[in-house]
Amino acid sequence: MAVEEIDIHRPFNRMGIDSLMGVELLLSIDMTLGIKFSAFELVGDGTIFDLASKCLAQLNVSIASVDMAA
């Protein structure tokens, strides 16, 4: 899937993310950014946008500053 086709507001549970993919994603975030999340962060109605927002908050970066940099 092309990056442009990814809906950042679509819940993970509707994107076909299984438990193994979820664990791999969380491990990748931990290894890359040093941010630990519970697997529960990906269940329910969680989205890429939600997870990214939590990462930015952990890094003390505001969403507004990211929008302006793009």
PDB file of N, CA and C in Angstrom:
ATOM      1  N   MET A   1       0.851  -1.175   0.000  1.00  0.00           N
ATOM      2  CA  MET A   1       0.000   0.000   0.000  1.00  0.00           C
ATOM      3  C   MET A   1       0.896   1.236   0.000  1.00  0.00           C
ATOM      4  N   ALA A   2       0.571   2.171  -0.840  1.00  0.00           N
ATOM      5  CA  ALA A   2       1.326   3.423  -0.899  1.00  0.00           C
ATOM      6  C   ALA A   2       1.018   4.270   0.328  1.00  0.00           C
ATOM      7  N   VAL A   3       1.998   5.013   0.772  1.00  0.00           N
ATOM      8  CA  VAL A   3       1.842   5.869   1.956  1.00  0.00           C
ATOM      9  C   VAL A   3       0.651   6.809   1.791  1.00  0.00           C
ATOM     10  N   GLU A   4       0.462   7.316   0.609  1.00  0.00           N
ATOM     11  CA  GLU A   4      -0.629   8.261   0.356  1.00  0.00           C
ATOM     12  C   GLU A   4      -2.011   7.643   0.559  1.00  0.00           C
ATOM     13  N   GLU A   5      -2.088   6.325   0.499  1.00  0.00           N
ATOM     14  CA  GLU A   5      -3.358   5.624   0.627  1.00  0.00           C
ATOM     15  C   GLU A   5      -3.724   5.294   2.073  1.00  0.00           C
ATOM     16  N   ILE A   6      -2.812   5.515   3.008  1.00  0.00           N
ATOM     17  CA  ILE A   6      -3.053   5.164   4.403  1.00  0.00           C
ATOM     18  C   ILE A   6      -3.912   6.247   5.058  1.00  0.00           C
ATOM     19  N   ASP A   7      -5.009   5.829   5.646  1.00  0.00           N
ATOM     20  CA  ASP A   7      -5.907   6.740   6.370  1.00  0.00           C
ATOM     21  C   ASP A   7      -5.471   6.769   7.833  1.00  0.00           C
ATOM     22  N   ILE A   8      -4.852   7.863   8.263  1.00  0.00           N
ATOM     23  CA  ILE A   8      -4.326   7.947   9.628  1.00  0.00           C
ATOM     24  C   ILE A   8      -5.418   8.030  10.682  1.00  0.00           C
ATOM     25  N   HIS A   9      -6.650   8.185  10.265  1.00  0.00           N
ATOM     26  CA  HIS A   9      -7.770   8.258  11.204  1.00  0.00           C
ATOM     27  C   HIS A   9      -8.593   6.971  11.235  1.00  0.00           C
ATOM     28  N   ARG A  10      -8.161   5.978  10.487  1.00  0.00           N
ATOM     29  CA  ARG A  10      -8.860   4.682  10.484  1.00  0.00           C
ATOM     30  C   ARG A  10      -8.340   3.842  11.653  1.00  0.00           C
ATOM     31  N   PRO A  11      -9.224   3.288  12.461  1.00  0.00           N
ATOM     32  CA  PRO A  11      -8.789   2.486  13.601  1.00  0.00           C
ATOM     33  C   PRO A  11      -7.937   1.285  13.173  1.00  0.00           C
ATOM     34  N   PHE A  12      -6.928   0.980  14.006  1.00  0.00           N
ATOM     35  CA  PHE A  12      -6.066  -0.159  13.729  1.00  0.00           C
ATOM     36  C   PHE A  12      -6.875  -1.443  13.546  1.00  0.00           C
ATOM     37  N   ASN A  13      -7.923  -1.609  14.343  1.00  0.00           N
ATOM     38  CA  ASN A  13      -8.702  -2.844  14.267  1.00  0.00           C
ATOM     39  C   ASN A  13      -9.452  -2.977  12.939  1.00  0.00           C
ATOM     40  N   ARG A  14      -9.564  -1.902  12.174  1.00  0.00           N
ATOM     41  CA  ARG A  14     -10.197  -1.968  10.848  1.00  0.00           C
ATOM     42  C   ARG A  14      -9.157  -1.955   9.736  1.00  0.00           C
ATOM     43  N   MET A  15      -7.868  -1.945  10.100  1.00  0.00           N
ATOM     44  CA  MET A  15      -6.796  -1.945   9.103  1.00  0.00           C
ATOM     45  C   MET A  15      -6.203  -3.336   8.918  1.00  0.00           C
ATOM     46  N   GLY A  16      -6.699  -4.315   9.655  1.00  0.00           N
ATOM     47  CA  GLY A  16      -6.187  -5.663   9.539  1.00  0.00           C
ATOM     48  C   GLY A  16      -4.921  -5.894  10.346  1.00  0.00           C
ATOM     49  N   ILE A  17      -4.665  -5.034  11.319  1.00  0.00           N
ATOM     50  CA  ILE A  17      -3.494  -5.198  12.178  1.00  0.00           C
ATOM     51  C   ILE A  17      -3.767  -6.355  13.145  1.00  0.00           C
ATOM     52  N   ASP A  18      -2.922  -7.384  13.098  1.00  0.00           N
ATOM     53  CA  ASP A  18      -3.097  -8.482  14.042  1.00  0.00           C
ATOM     54  C   ASP A  18      -2.161  -8.269  15.234  1.00  0.00           C
ATOM     55  N   SER A  19      -2.209  -9.165  16.206  1.00  0.00           N
ATOM     56  CA  SER A  19      -1.443  -8.970  17.436  1.00  0.00           C
ATOM     57  C   SER A  19       0.061  -8.974  17.184  1.00  0.00           C
ATOM     58  N   LEU A  20       0.537  -9.807  16.280  1.00  0.00           N
ATOM     59  CA  LEU A  20       1.964  -9.851  15.980  1.00  0.00           C
ATOM     60  C   LEU A  20       2.433  -8.543  15.342  1.00  0.00           C
ATOM     61  N   MET A  21       1.659  -8.040  14.392  1.00  0.00           N
ATOM     62  CA  MET A  21       2.013  -6.759  13.764  1.00  0.00           C
ATOM     63  C   MET A  21       2.007  -5.642  14.793  1.00  0.00           C
ATOM     64  N   GLY A  22       1.040  -5.680  15.695  1.00  0.00           N
ATOM     65  CA  GLY A  22       0.961  -4.667  16.739  1.00  0.00           C
ATOM     66  C   GLY A  22       2.174  -4.673  17.647  1.00  0.00           C
ATOM     67  N   VAL A  23       2.593  -5.870  18.052  1.00  0.00           N
ATOM     68  CA  VAL A  23       3.780  -5.990  18.908  1.00  0.00           C
ATOM     69  C   VAL A  23       5.016  -5.506  18.152  1.00  0.00           C
ATOM     70  N   GLU A  24       5.131  -5.863  16.882  1.00  0.00           N
ATOM     71  CA  GLU A  24       6.265  -5.405  16.077  1.00  0.00           C
ATOM     72  C   GLU A  24       6.280  -3.887  15.956  1.00  0.00           C
ATOM     73  N   LEU A  25       5.119  -3.290  15.773  1.00  0.00           N
ATOM     74  CA  LEU A  25       5.023  -1.836  15.691  1.00  0.00           C
ATOM     75  C   LEU A  25       5.461  -1.188  16.997  1.00  0.00           C
ATOM     76  N   LEU A  26       4.957  -1.699  18.102  1.00  0.00           N
ATOM     77  CA  LEU A  26       5.305  -1.128  19.404  1.00  0.00           C
ATOM     78  C   LEU A  26       6.786  -1.314  19.718  1.00  0.00           C
ATOM     79  N   LEU A  27       7.359  -2.461  19.353  1.00  0.00           N
ATOM     80  CA  LEU A  27       8.794  -2.673  19.554  1.00  0.00           C
ATOM     81  C   LEU A  27       9.619  -1.721  18.693  1.00  0.00           C
ATOM     82  N   SER A  28       9.168  -1.481  17.488  1.00  0.00           N
ATOM     83  CA  SER A  28       9.866  -0.563  16.597  1.00  0.00           C
ATOM     84  C   SER A  28       9.849   0.861  17.150  1.00  0.00           C
ATOM     85  N   ILE A  29       8.700   1.280  17.678  1.00  0.00           N
ATOM     86  CA  ILE A  29       8.600   2.605  18.286  1.00  0.00           C
ATOM     87  C   ILE A  29       9.530   2.698  19.495  1.00  0.00           C
ATOM     88  N   ASP A  30       9.554   1.643  20.298  1.00  0.00           N
ATOM     89  CA  ASP A  30      10.423   1.618  21.478  1.00  0.00           C
ATOM     90  C   ASP A  30      11.894   1.694  21.068  1.00  0.00           C
ATOM     91  N   MET A  31      12.289   0.896  20.086  1.00  0.00           N
ATOM     92  CA  MET A  31      13.686   0.875  19.662  1.00  0.00           C
ATOM     93  C   MET A  31      14.105   2.170  18.973  1.00  0.00           C
ATOM     94  N   THR A  32      13.201   2.779  18.220  1.00  0.00           N
ATOM     95  CA  THR A  32      13.526   3.986  17.469  1.00  0.00           C
ATOM     96  C   THR A  32      13.439   5.248  18.326  1.00  0.00           C
ATOM     97  N   LEU A  33      12.363   5.360  19.102  1.00  0.00           N
ATOM     98  CA  LEU A  33      12.113   6.587  19.858  1.00  0.00           C
ATOM     99  C   LEU A  33      12.313   6.443  21.358  1.00  0.00           C
ATOM    100  N   GLY A  34      12.435   5.197  21.825  1.00  0.00           N
ATOM    101  CA  GLY A  34      12.572   4.977  23.257  1.00  0.00           C
ATOM    102  C   GLY A  34      11.281   5.195  24.022  1.00  0.00           C
ATOM    103  N   ILE A  35      10.156   5.029  23.337  1.00  0.00           N
ATOM    104  CA  ILE A  35       8.839   5.220  23.949  1.00  0.00           C
ATOM    105  C   ILE A  35       8.158   3.865  24.050  1.00  0.00           C
ATOM    106  N   LYS A  36       7.731   3.522  25.246  1.00  0.00           N
ATOM    107  CA  LYS A  36       7.056   2.246  25.468  1.00  0.00           C
ATOM    108  C   LYS A  36       5.540   2.466  25.541  1.00  0.00           C
ATOM    109  N   PHE A  37       4.825   1.617  24.837  1.00  0.00           N
ATOM    110  CA  PHE A  37       3.370   1.623  24.875  1.00  0.00           C
ATOM    111  C   PHE A  37       2.889   0.227  25.221  1.00  0.00           C
ATOM    112  N   SER A  38       1.732   0.158  25.807  1.00  0.00           N
ATOM    113  CA  SER A  38       1.069  -1.108  26.070  1.00  0.00           C
ATOM    114  C   SER A  38       0.407  -1.582  24.779  1.00  0.00           C
ATOM    115  N   ALA A  39       0.277  -2.885  24.634  1.00  0.00           N
ATOM    116  CA  ALA A  39      -0.435  -3.431  23.475  1.00  0.00           C
ATOM    117  C   ALA A  39      -1.880  -2.947  23.439  1.00  0.00           C
ATOM    118  N   PHE A  40      -2.396  -2.539  24.587  1.00  0.00           N
ATOM    119  CA  PHE A  40      -3.765  -2.032  24.646  1.00  0.00           C
ATOM    120  C   PHE A  40      -3.928  -0.713  23.886  1.00  0.00           C
ATOM    121  N   GLU A  41      -2.805  -0.038  23.600  1.00  0.00           N
ATOM    122  CA  GLU A  41      -2.861   1.216  22.840  1.00  0.00           C
ATOM    123  C   GLU A  41      -3.388   0.985  21.428  1.00  0.00           C
ATOM    124  N   LEU A  42      -3.275  -0.239  20.930  1.00  0.00           N
ATOM    125  CA  LEU A  42      -3.666  -0.532  19.550  1.00  0.00           C
ATOM    126  C   LEU A  42      -5.040  -1.170  19.429  1.00  0.00           C
ATOM    127  N   VAL A  43      -5.666  -1.491  20.533  1.00  0.00           N
ATOM    128  CA  VAL A  43      -6.982  -2.126  20.461  1.00  0.00           C
ATOM    129  C   VAL A  43      -8.073  -1.071  20.511  1.00  0.00           C
ATOM    130  N   GLY A  44      -9.260  -1.474  20.162  1.00  0.00           N
ATOM    131  CA  GLY A  44     -10.380  -0.537  20.183  1.00  0.00           C
ATOM    132  C   GLY A  44     -10.335   0.391  18.987  1.00  0.00           C
ATOM    133  N   ASP A  45     -10.528   1.667  19.243  1.00  0.00           N
ATOM    134  CA  ASP A  45     -10.617   2.641  18.161  1.00  0.00           C
ATOM    135  C   ASP A  45      -9.338   3.443  17.970  1.00  0.00           C
ATOM    136  N   GLY A  46      -8.198   2.927  18.452  1.00  0.00           N
ATOM    137  CA  GLY A  46      -6.928   3.629  18.292  1.00  0.00           C
ATOM    138  C   GLY A  46      -6.540   3.759  16.828  1.00  0.00           C
ATOM    139  N   THR A  47      -5.940   4.885  16.472  1.00  0.00           N
ATOM    140  CA  THR A  47      -5.548   5.167  15.093  1.00  0.00           C
ATOM    141  C   THR A  47      -4.066   5.528  15.029  1.00  0.00           C
ATOM    142  N   ILE A  48      -3.544   5.593  13.822  1.00  0.00           N
ATOM    143  CA  ILE A  48      -2.171   6.046  13.618  1.00  0.00           C
ATOM    144  C   ILE A  48      -2.019   7.459  14.171  1.00  0.00           C
ATOM    145  N   PHE A  49      -3.001   8.313  13.915  1.00  0.00           N
ATOM    146  CA  PHE A  49      -2.965   9.688  14.413  1.00  0.00           C
ATOM    147  C   PHE A  49      -2.884   9.715  15.934  1.00  0.00           C
ATOM    148  N   ASP A  50      -3.684   8.886  16.590  1.00  0.00           N
ATOM    149  CA  ASP A  50      -3.666   8.824  18.056  1.00  0.00           C
ATOM    150  C   ASP A  50      -2.295   8.391  18.569  1.00  0.00           C
ATOM    151  N   LEU A  51      -1.745   7.347  17.968  1.00  0.00           N
ATOM    152  CA  LEU A  51      -0.455   6.829  18.404  1.00  0.00           C
ATOM    153  C   LEU A  51       0.651   7.864  18.149  1.00  0.00           C
ATOM    154  N   ALA A  52       0.604   8.501  16.997  1.00  0.00           N
ATOM    155  CA  ALA A  52       1.592   9.540  16.685  1.00  0.00           C
ATOM    156  C   ALA A  52       1.476  10.712  17.656  1.00  0.00           C
ATOM    157  N   SER A  53       0.258  11.091  17.996  1.00  0.00           N
ATOM    158  CA  SER A  53       0.043  12.186  18.950  1.00  0.00           C
ATOM    159  C   SER A  53       0.629  11.835  20.313  1.00  0.00           C
ATOM    160  N   LYS A  54       0.466  10.574  20.735  1.00  0.00           N
ATOM    161  CA  LYS A  54       1.027  10.139  22.021  1.00  0.00           C
ATOM    162  C   LYS A  54       2.553  10.136  21.970  1.00  0.00           C
ATOM    163  N   CYS A  55       3.109   9.742  20.832  1.00  0.00           N
ATOM    164  CA  CYS A  55       4.566   9.775  20.679  1.00  0.00           C
ATOM    165  C   CYS A  55       5.075  11.214  20.778  1.00  0.00           C
ATOM    166  N   LEU A  56       4.421  12.112  20.081  1.00  0.00           N
ATOM    167  CA  LEU A  56       4.830  13.518  20.121  1.00  0.00           C
ATOM    168  C   LEU A  56       4.725  14.084  21.528  1.00  0.00           C
ATOM    169  N   ALA A  57       3.666  13.718  22.241  1.00  0.00           N
ATOM    170  CA  ALA A  57       3.501  14.197  23.617  1.00  0.00           C
ATOM    171  C   ALA A  57       4.637  13.684  24.500  1.00  0.00           C
ATOM    172  N   GLN A  58       5.019  12.411  24.323  1.00  0.00           N
ATOM    173  CA  GLN A  58       6.122  11.842  25.091  1.00  0.00           C
ATOM    174  C   GLN A  58       7.436  12.553  24.780  1.00  0.00           C
ATOM    175  N   LEU A  59       7.576  13.022  23.541  1.00  0.00           N
ATOM    176  CA  LEU A  59       8.788  13.715  23.116  1.00  0.00           C
ATOM    177  C   LEU A  59       8.707  15.223  23.360  1.00  0.00           C
ATOM    178  N   ASN A  60       7.596  15.673  23.953  1.00  0.00           N
ATOM    179  CA  ASN A  60       7.357  17.098  24.218  1.00  0.00           C
ATOM    180  C   ASN A  60       7.377  17.942  22.958  1.00  0.00           C
ATOM    181  N   VAL A  61       6.756  17.416  21.899  1.00  0.00           N
ATOM    182  CA  VAL A  61       6.635  18.124  20.640  1.00  0.00           C
ATOM    183  C   VAL A  61       5.158  18.344  20.390  1.00  0.00           C
ATOM    184  N   SER A  62       4.772  19.568  20.049  1.00  0.00           N
ATOM    185  CA  SER A  62       3.357  19.845  19.807  1.00  0.00           C
ATOM    186  C   SER A  62       2.998  19.482  18.364  1.00  0.00           C
ATOM    187  N   ILE A  63       1.766  19.099  18.171  1.00  0.00           N
ATOM    188  CA  ILE A  63       1.275  18.779  16.818  1.00  0.00           C
ATOM    189  C   ILE A  63       1.357  20.002  15.933  1.00  0.00           C
ATOM    190  N   ALA A  64       1.087  21.185  16.481  1.00  0.00           N
ATOM    191  CA  ALA A  64       1.124  22.425  15.698  1.00  0.00           C
ATOM    192  C   ALA A  64       2.519  22.650  15.114  1.00  0.00           C
ATOM    193  N   SER A  65       3.570  22.385  15.883  1.00  0.00           N
ATOM    194  CA  SER A  65       4.925  22.605  15.373  1.00  0.00           C
ATOM    195  C   SER A  65       5.259  21.605  14.273  1.00  0.00           C
ATOM    196  N   VAL A  66       4.706  20.403  14.329  1.00  0.00           N
ATOM    197  CA  VAL A  66       4.927  19.414  13.283  1.00  0.00           C
ATOM    198  C   VAL A  66       4.191  19.836  12.026  1.00  0.00           C
ATOM    199  N   ASP A  67       2.935  20.318  12.169  1.00  0.00           N
ATOM    200  CA  ASP A  67       2.164  20.773  11.006  1.00  0.00           C
ATOM    201  C   ASP A  67       2.871  21.913  10.299  1.00  0.00           C
ATOM    202  N   MET A  68       3.461  22.817  11.054  1.00  0.00           N
ATOM    203  CA  MET A  68       4.131  23.977  10.467  1.00  0.00           C
ATOM    204  C   MET A  68       5.413  23.576   9.758  1.00  0.00           C
ATOM    205  N   ALA A  69       6.048  22.507  10.212  1.00  0.00           N
ATOM    206  CA  ALA A  69       7.312  22.070   9.605  1.00  0.00           C
ATOM    207  C   ALA A  69       7.090  21.355   8.281  1.00  0.00           C
ATOM    208  N   ALA A  70       5.900  20.850   8.056  1.00  0.00           N
ATOM    209  CA  ALA A  70       5.620  20.070   6.831  1.00  0.00           C
ATOM    210  C   ALA A  70       5.497  20.942   5.611  1.00  0.00           C
TER     211      ALA A  70
END
